[in-house]
Amino acid sequence: MTDFTNDTSMPRKRHMNTGQREYYVYFAVIFIATLPLAILTWTLTAARQMALPARGPIKAAWSQAQIITPRIFSA
């Protein structure tokens, strides 16, 4: 009788944790939602100061998503 339960010849794929997948989905949704406001804010700041702000709109939206998403999961 052959034991197939301990077969190590085939590499196993690592699957992403469900919570981690959910975190990335929430992060993407929040990033997409904050992007238009970040672009508007960046444009208005550039128009007022007549110079480009140091942080771009994508970086601003990314940092907002990094702040908001963990707060959702810690609640």
PDB file of N, CA and C in Angstrom:
ATOM      1  N   MET A   1       0.843  -1.173   0.000  1.00  0.00           N
ATOM      2  CA  MET A   1       0.000   0.000   0.000  1.00  0.00           C
ATOM      3  C   MET A   1       0.893   1.241   0.000  1.00  0.00           C
ATOM      4  N   THR A   2       0.575   2.208  -0.840  1.00  0.00           N
ATOM      5  CA  THR A   2       1.389   3.408  -0.988  1.00  0.00           C
ATOM      6  C   THR A   2       0.777   4.560  -0.197  1.00  0.00           C
ATOM      7  N   ASP A   3       1.659   5.316   0.448  1.00  0.00           N
ATOM      8  CA  ASP A   3       1.224   6.464   1.243  1.00  0.00           C
ATOM      9  C   ASP A   3       1.463   7.735   0.433  1.00  0.00           C
ATOM     10  N   PHE A   4       0.402   8.384  -0.014  1.00  0.00           N
ATOM     11  CA  PHE A   4       0.516   9.603  -0.809  1.00  0.00           C
ATOM     12  C   PHE A   4       0.375  10.870   0.027  1.00  0.00           C
ATOM     13  N   THR A   5       0.179  10.741   1.319  1.00  0.00           N
ATOM     14  CA  THR A   5      -0.035  11.920   2.152  1.00  0.00           C
ATOM     15  C   THR A   5       1.247  12.703   2.403  1.00  0.00           C
ATOM     16  N   ASN A   6       2.386  12.066   2.295  1.00  0.00           N
ATOM     17  CA  ASN A   6       3.660  12.738   2.563  1.00  0.00           C
ATOM     18  C   ASN A   6       4.496  12.896   1.302  1.00  0.00           C
ATOM     19  N   ASP A   7       3.866  13.072   0.188  1.00  0.00           N
ATOM     20  CA  ASP A   7       4.575  13.224  -1.074  1.00  0.00           C
ATOM     21  C   ASP A   7       5.158  14.626  -1.153  1.00  0.00           C
ATOM     22  N   THR A   8       6.481  14.744  -1.098  1.00  0.00           N
ATOM     23  CA  THR A   8       7.147  16.049  -1.138  1.00  0.00           C
ATOM     24  C   THR A   8       7.772  16.337  -2.489  1.00  0.00           C
ATOM     25  N   SER A   9       7.501  15.513  -3.466  1.00  0.00           N
ATOM     26  CA  SER A   9       8.119  15.708  -4.770  1.00  0.00           C
ATOM     27  C   SER A   9       7.520  16.880  -5.533  1.00  0.00           C
ATOM     28  N   MET A  10       6.286  17.235  -5.246  1.00  0.00           N
ATOM     29  CA  MET A  10       5.631  18.339  -5.943  1.00  0.00           C
ATOM     30  C   MET A  10       5.666  19.585  -5.072  1.00  0.00           C
ATOM     31  N   PRO A  11       6.196  20.700  -5.598  1.00  0.00           N
ATOM     32  CA  PRO A  11       6.207  21.937  -4.794  1.00  0.00           C
ATOM     33  C   PRO A  11       4.787  22.463  -4.603  1.00  0.00           C
ATOM     34  N   ARG A  12       4.558  22.982  -3.445  1.00  0.00           N
ATOM     35  CA  ARG A  12       3.229  23.527  -3.140  1.00  0.00           C
ATOM     36  C   ARG A  12       3.222  25.018  -3.373  1.00  0.00           C
ATOM     37  N   LYS A  13       2.118  25.496  -3.882  1.00  0.00           N
ATOM     38  CA  LYS A  13       1.958  26.934  -4.082  1.00  0.00           C
ATOM     39  C   LYS A  13       1.533  27.568  -2.773  1.00  0.00           C
ATOM     40  N   ARG A  14       2.085  28.721  -2.521  1.00  0.00           N
ATOM     41  CA  ARG A  14       1.658  29.464  -1.339  1.00  0.00           C
ATOM     42  C   ARG A  14       0.485  30.345  -1.721  1.00  0.00           C
ATOM     43  N   HIS A  15      -0.581  30.221  -0.999  1.00  0.00           N
ATOM     44  CA  HIS A  15      -1.763  31.029  -1.272  1.00  0.00           C
ATOM     45  C   HIS A  15      -1.806  32.194  -0.302  1.00  0.00           C
ATOM     46  N   MET A  16      -2.318  33.301  -0.799  1.00  0.00           N
ATOM     47  CA  MET A  16      -2.429  34.493   0.015  1.00  0.00           C
ATOM     48  C   MET A  16      -3.521  34.293   1.062  1.00  0.00           C
ATOM     49  N   ASN A  17      -3.269  34.763   2.225  1.00  0.00           N
ATOM     50  CA  ASN A  17      -4.245  34.699   3.299  1.00  0.00           C
ATOM     51  C   ASN A  17      -5.490  35.495   2.896  1.00  0.00           C
ATOM     52  N   THR A  18      -6.658  35.019   3.275  1.00  0.00           N
ATOM     53  CA  THR A  18      -7.902  35.704   2.917  1.00  0.00           C
ATOM     54  C   THR A  18      -7.933  37.121   3.483  1.00  0.00           C
ATOM     55  N   GLY A  19      -7.455  37.299   4.697  1.00  0.00           N
ATOM     56  CA  GLY A  19      -7.421  38.628   5.296  1.00  0.00           C
ATOM     57  C   GLY A  19      -6.492  39.569   4.551  1.00  0.00           C
ATOM     58  N   GLN A  20      -5.391  39.025   4.066  1.00  0.00           N
ATOM     59  CA  GLN A  20      -4.444  39.835   3.316  1.00  0.00           C
ATOM     60  C   GLN A  20      -5.039  40.240   1.971  1.00  0.00           C
ATOM     61  N   ARG A  21      -5.738  39.326   1.335  1.00  0.00           N
ATOM     62  CA  ARG A  21      -6.409  39.638   0.071  1.00  0.00           C
ATOM     63  C   ARG A  21      -7.471  40.712   0.275  1.00  0.00           C
ATOM     64  N   GLU A  22      -8.222  40.584   1.359  1.00  0.00           N
ATOM     65  CA  GLU A  22      -9.263  41.572   1.671  1.00  0.00           C
ATOM     66  C   GLU A  22      -8.641  42.943   1.942  1.00  0.00           C
ATOM     67  N   TYR A  23      -7.499  42.965   2.629  1.00  0.00           N
ATOM     68  CA  TYR A  23      -6.799  44.217   2.901  1.00  0.00           C
ATOM     69  C   TYR A  23      -6.416  44.905   1.592  1.00  0.00           C
ATOM     70  N   TYR A  24      -5.872  44.142   0.638  1.00  0.00           N
ATOM     71  CA  TYR A  24      -5.472  44.720  -0.643  1.00  0.00           C
ATOM     72  C   TYR A  24      -6.666  45.233  -1.439  1.00  0.00           C
ATOM     73  N   VAL A  25      -7.787  44.556  -1.342  1.00  0.00           N
ATOM     74  CA  VAL A  25      -8.995  45.033  -2.035  1.00  0.00           C
ATOM     75  C   VAL A  25      -9.451  46.351  -1.437  1.00  0.00           C
ATOM     76  N   TYR A  26      -9.514  46.423  -0.111  1.00  0.00           N
ATOM     77  CA  TYR A  26      -9.898  47.669   0.545  1.00  0.00           C
ATOM     78  C   TYR A  26      -8.903  48.777   0.220  1.00  0.00           C
ATOM     79  N   PHE A  27      -7.616  48.456   0.233  1.00  0.00           N
ATOM     80  CA  PHE A  27      -6.587  49.445  -0.077  1.00  0.00           C
ATOM     81  C   PHE A  27      -6.790  50.003  -1.481  1.00  0.00           C
ATOM     82  N   ALA A  28      -7.052  49.128  -2.445  1.00  0.00           N
ATOM     83  CA  ALA A  28      -7.241  49.567  -3.832  1.00  0.00           C
ATOM     84  C   ALA A  28      -8.471  50.459  -3.970  1.00  0.00           C
ATOM     85  N   VAL A  29      -9.550  50.077  -3.316  1.00  0.00           N
ATOM     86  CA  VAL A  29     -10.784  50.880  -3.388  1.00  0.00           C
ATOM     87  C   VAL A  29     -10.565  52.252  -2.767  1.00  0.00           C
ATOM     88  N   ILE A  30      -9.901  52.291  -1.625  1.00  0.00           N
ATOM     89  CA  ILE A  30      -9.658  53.569  -0.957  1.00  0.00           C
ATOM     90  C   ILE A  30      -8.688  54.418  -1.770  1.00  0.00           C
ATOM     91  N   PHE A  31      -7.671  53.791  -2.347  1.00  0.00           N
ATOM     92  CA  PHE A  31      -6.720  54.528  -3.175  1.00  0.00           C
ATOM     93  C   PHE A  31      -7.424  55.163  -4.371  1.00  0.00           C
ATOM     94  N   ILE A  32      -8.272  54.401  -5.037  1.00  0.00           N
ATOM     95  CA  ILE A  32      -8.999  54.920  -6.200  1.00  0.00           C
ATOM     96  C   ILE A  32      -9.965  56.033  -5.780  1.00  0.00           C
ATOM     97  N   ALA A  33     -10.552  55.894  -4.590  1.00  0.00           N
ATOM     98  CA  ALA A  33     -11.495  56.909  -4.118  1.00  0.00           C
ATOM     99  C   ALA A  33     -10.778  58.205  -3.723  1.00  0.00           C
ATOM    100  N   THR A  34      -9.567  58.111  -3.188  1.00  0.00           N
ATOM    101  CA  THR A  34      -8.863  59.323  -2.753  1.00  0.00           C
ATOM    102  C   THR A  34      -8.068  59.985  -3.877  1.00  0.00           C
ATOM    103  N   LEU A  35      -7.853  59.295  -4.956  1.00  0.00           N
ATOM    104  CA  LEU A  35      -7.044  59.840  -6.046  1.00  0.00           C
ATOM    105  C   LEU A  35      -7.623  61.118  -6.669  1.00  0.00           C
ATOM    106  N   PRO A  36      -8.933  61.197  -6.986  1.00  0.00           N
ATOM    107  CA  PRO A  36      -9.445  62.446  -7.567  1.00  0.00           C
ATOM    108  C   PRO A  36      -9.288  63.650  -6.637  1.00  0.00           C
ATOM    109  N   LEU A  37      -9.540  63.459  -5.364  1.00  0.00           N
ATOM    110  CA  LEU A  37      -9.381  64.556  -4.413  1.00  0.00           C
ATOM    111  C   LEU A  37      -7.910  64.957  -4.277  1.00  0.00           C
ATOM    112  N   ALA A  38      -7.016  63.994  -4.310  1.00  0.00           N
ATOM    113  CA  ALA A  38      -5.587  64.304  -4.234  1.00  0.00           C
ATOM    114  C   ALA A  38      -5.130  65.074  -5.470  1.00  0.00           C
ATOM    115  N   ILE A  39      -5.659  64.708  -6.629  1.00  0.00           N
ATOM    116  CA  ILE A  39      -5.319  65.436  -7.860  1.00  0.00           C
ATOM    117  C   ILE A  39      -5.842  66.863  -7.788  1.00  0.00           C
ATOM    118  N   LEU A  40      -7.065  67.031  -7.319  1.00  0.00           N
ATOM    119  CA  LEU A  40      -7.643  68.368  -7.181  1.00  0.00           C
ATOM    120  C   LEU A  40      -6.840  69.213  -6.198  1.00  0.00           C
ATOM    121  N   THR A  41      -6.500  68.656  -5.069  1.00  0.00           N
ATOM    122  CA  THR A  41      -5.725  69.378  -4.059  1.00  0.00           C
ATOM    123  C   THR A  41      -4.346  69.756  -4.598  1.00  0.00           C
ATOM    124  N   TRP A  42      -3.706  68.813  -5.289  1.00  0.00           N
ATOM    125  CA  TRP A  42      -2.385  69.074  -5.868  1.00  0.00           C
ATOM    126  C   TRP A  42      -2.451  70.192  -6.911  1.00  0.00           C
ATOM    127  N   THR A  43      -3.495  70.167  -7.748  1.00  0.00           N
ATOM    128  CA  THR A  43      -3.659  71.180  -8.783  1.00  0.00           C
ATOM    129  C   THR A  43      -3.890  72.559  -8.173  1.00  0.00           C
ATOM    130  N   LEU A  44      -4.761  72.645  -7.173  1.00  0.00           N
ATOM    131  CA  LEU A  44      -5.033  73.930  -6.529  1.00  0.00           C
ATOM    132  C   LEU A  44      -3.805  74.469  -5.802  1.00  0.00           C
ATOM    133  N   THR A  45      -3.057  73.593  -5.151  1.00  0.00           N
ATOM    134  CA  THR A  45      -1.836  74.029  -4.468  1.00  0.00           C
ATOM    135  C   THR A  45      -0.811  74.531  -5.477  1.00  0.00           C
ATOM    136  N   ALA A  46      -0.675  73.831  -6.591  1.00  0.00           N
ATOM    137  CA  ALA A  46       0.267  74.259  -7.624  1.00  0.00           C
ATOM    138  C   ALA A  46      -0.152  75.593  -8.228  1.00  0.00           C
ATOM    139  N   ALA A  47      -1.458  75.798  -8.403  1.00  0.00           N
ATOM    140  CA  ALA A  47      -1.938  77.059  -8.975  1.00  0.00           C
ATOM    141  C   ALA A  47      -1.728  78.230  -8.011  1.00  0.00           C
ATOM    142  N   ARG A  48      -1.938  77.990  -6.715  1.00  0.00           N
ATOM    143  CA  ARG A  48      -1.774  79.058  -5.733  1.00  0.00           C
ATOM    144  C   ARG A  48      -0.313  79.438  -5.537  1.00  0.00           C
ATOM    145  N   GLN A  49       0.564  78.445  -5.463  1.00  0.00           N
ATOM    146  CA  GLN A  49       1.968  78.712  -5.176  1.00  0.00           C
ATOM    147  C   GLN A  49       2.803  78.930  -6.436  1.00  0.00           C
ATOM    148  N   MET A  50       2.221  78.686  -7.590  1.00  0.00           N
ATOM    149  CA  MET A  50       2.909  78.806  -8.872  1.00  0.00           C
ATOM    150  C   MET A  50       4.174  77.941  -8.920  1.00  0.00           C
ATOM    151  N   ALA A  51       4.135  76.820  -8.233  1.00  0.00           N
ATOM    152  CA  ALA A  51       5.231  75.849  -8.230  1.00  0.00           C
ATOM    153  C   ALA A  51       4.638  74.473  -7.922  1.00  0.00           C
ATOM    154  N   LEU A  52       5.317  73.454  -8.383  1.00  0.00           N
ATOM    155  CA  LEU A  52       4.823  72.102  -8.133  1.00  0.00           C
ATOM    156  C   LEU A  52       5.093  71.693  -6.692  1.00  0.00           C
ATOM    157  N   PRO A  53       4.091  71.138  -6.009  1.00  0.00           N
ATOM    158  CA  PRO A  53       4.322  70.647  -4.644  1.00  0.00           C
ATOM    159  C   PRO A  53       5.331  69.501  -4.645  1.00  0.00           C
ATOM    160  N   ALA A  54       5.991  69.315  -3.518  1.00  0.00           N
ATOM    161  CA  ALA A  54       7.024  68.278  -3.405  1.00  0.00           C
ATOM    162  C   ALA A  54       6.431  66.873  -3.543  1.00  0.00           C
ATOM    163  N   ARG A  55       5.248  66.681  -3.014  1.00  0.00           N
ATOM    164  CA  ARG A  55       4.610  65.364  -3.057  1.00  0.00           C
ATOM    165  C   ARG A  55       3.542  65.372  -4.137  1.00  0.00           C
ATOM    166  N   GLY A  56       3.610  64.417  -5.030  1.00  0.00           N
ATOM    167  CA  GLY A  56       2.657  64.336  -6.125  1.00  0.00           C
ATOM    168  C   GLY A  56       1.307  63.788  -5.692  1.00  0.00           C
ATOM    169  N   PRO A  57       0.308  63.847  -6.575  1.00  0.00           N
ATOM    170  CA  PRO A  57      -1.030  63.389  -6.208  1.00  0.00           C
ATOM    171  C   PRO A  57      -1.113  61.883  -5.971  1.00  0.00           C
ATOM    172  N   ILE A  58      -0.340  61.103  -6.685  1.00  0.00           N
ATOM    173  CA  ILE A  58      -0.380  59.649  -6.478  1.00  0.00           C
ATOM    174  C   ILE A  58       0.225  59.294  -5.128  1.00  0.00           C
ATOM    175  N   LYS A  59       1.321  59.925  -4.786  1.00  0.00           N
ATOM    176  CA  LYS A  59       1.949  59.698  -3.487  1.00  0.00           C
ATOM    177  C   LYS A  59       1.019  60.120  -2.351  1.00  0.00           C
ATOM    178  N   ALA A  60       0.306  61.220  -2.529  1.00  0.00           N
ATOM    179  CA  ALA A  60      -0.632  61.687  -1.505  1.00  0.00           C
ATOM    180  C   ALA A  60      -1.790  60.707  -1.343  1.00  0.00           C
ATOM    181  N   ALA A  61      -2.346  60.227  -2.459  1.00  0.00           N
ATOM    182  CA  ALA A  61      -3.449  59.266  -2.386  1.00  0.00           C
ATOM    183  C   ALA A  61      -2.975  57.951  -1.785  1.00  0.00           C
ATOM    184  N   TRP A  62      -1.754  57.544  -2.129  1.00  0.00           N
ATOM    185  CA  TRP A  62      -1.195  56.296  -1.589  1.00  0.00           C
ATOM    186  C   TRP A  62      -1.033  56.397  -0.070  1.00  0.00           C
ATOM    187  N   SER A  63      -0.517  57.526   0.407  1.00  0.00           N
ATOM    188  CA  SER A  63      -0.330  57.681   1.850  1.00  0.00           C
ATOM    189  C   SER A  63      -1.665  57.759   2.587  1.00  0.00           C
ATOM    190  N   GLN A  64      -2.660  58.389   1.971  1.00  0.00           N
ATOM    191  CA  GLN A  64      -3.994  58.412   2.593  1.00  0.00           C
ATOM    192  C   GLN A  64      -4.575  57.004   2.698  1.00  0.00           C
ATOM    193  N   ALA A  65      -4.389  56.207   1.656  1.00  0.00           N
ATOM    194  CA  ALA A  65      -4.879  54.819   1.683  1.00  0.00           C
ATOM    195  C   ALA A  65      -4.136  54.008   2.740  1.00  0.00           C
ATOM    196  N   GLN A  66      -2.831  54.296   2.921  1.00  0.00           N
ATOM    197  CA  GLN A  66      -2.055  53.603   3.946  1.00  0.00           C
ATOM    198  C   GLN A  66      -2.497  53.992   5.357  1.00  0.00           C
ATOM    199  N   ILE A  67      -3.042  55.166   5.508  1.00  0.00           N
ATOM    200  CA  ILE A  67      -3.530  55.611   6.812  1.00  0.00           C
ATOM    201  C   ILE A  67      -4.930  55.065   7.088  1.00  0.00           C
ATOM    202  N   ILE A  68      -5.804  55.116   6.092  1.00  0.00           N
ATOM    203  CA  ILE A  68      -7.212  54.768   6.287  1.00  0.00           C
ATOM    204  C   ILE A  68      -7.436  53.263   6.388  1.00  0.00           C
ATOM    205  N   THR A  69      -6.796  52.481   5.546  1.00  0.00           N
ATOM    206  CA  THR A  69      -7.056  51.037   5.478  1.00  0.00           C
ATOM    207  C   THR A  69      -6.771  50.320   6.806  1.00  0.00           C
ATOM    208  N   PRO A  70      -5.631  50.535   7.471  1.00  0.00           N
ATOM    209  CA  PRO A  70      -5.437  49.858   8.756  1.00  0.00           C
ATOM    210  C   PRO A  70      -6.464  50.249   9.817  1.00  0.00           C
ATOM    211  N   ARG A  71      -6.961  51.477   9.733  1.00  0.00           N
ATOM    212  CA  ARG A  71      -7.976  51.897  10.700  1.00  0.00           C
ATOM    213  C   ARG A  71      -9.262  51.111  10.515  1.00  0.00           C
ATOM    214  N   ILE A  72      -9.588  50.771   9.289  1.00  0.00           N
ATOM    215  CA  ILE A  72     -10.780  49.956   9.041  1.00  0.00           C
ATOM    216  C   ILE A  72     -10.606  48.572   9.638  1.00  0.00           C
ATOM    217  N   PHE A  73      -9.427  47.990   9.484  1.00  0.00           N
ATOM    218  CA  PHE A  73      -9.193  46.633   9.971  1.00  0.00           C
ATOM    219  C   PHE A  73      -8.981  46.570  11.471  1.00  0.00           C
ATOM    220  N   SER A  74      -8.595  47.666  12.094  1.00  0.00           N
ATOM    221  CA  SER A  74      -8.406  47.641  13.545  1.00  0.00           C
ATOM    222  C   SER A  74      -9.717  47.903  14.288  1.00  0.00           C
ATOM    223  N   ALA A  75     -10.739  48.372  13.592  1.00  0.00           N
ATOM    224  CA  ALA A  75     -12.019  48.662  14.249  1.00  0.00           C
ATOM    225  C   ALA A  75     -12.803  47.411  14.529  1.00  0.00           C
TER     226      ALA A  75
END
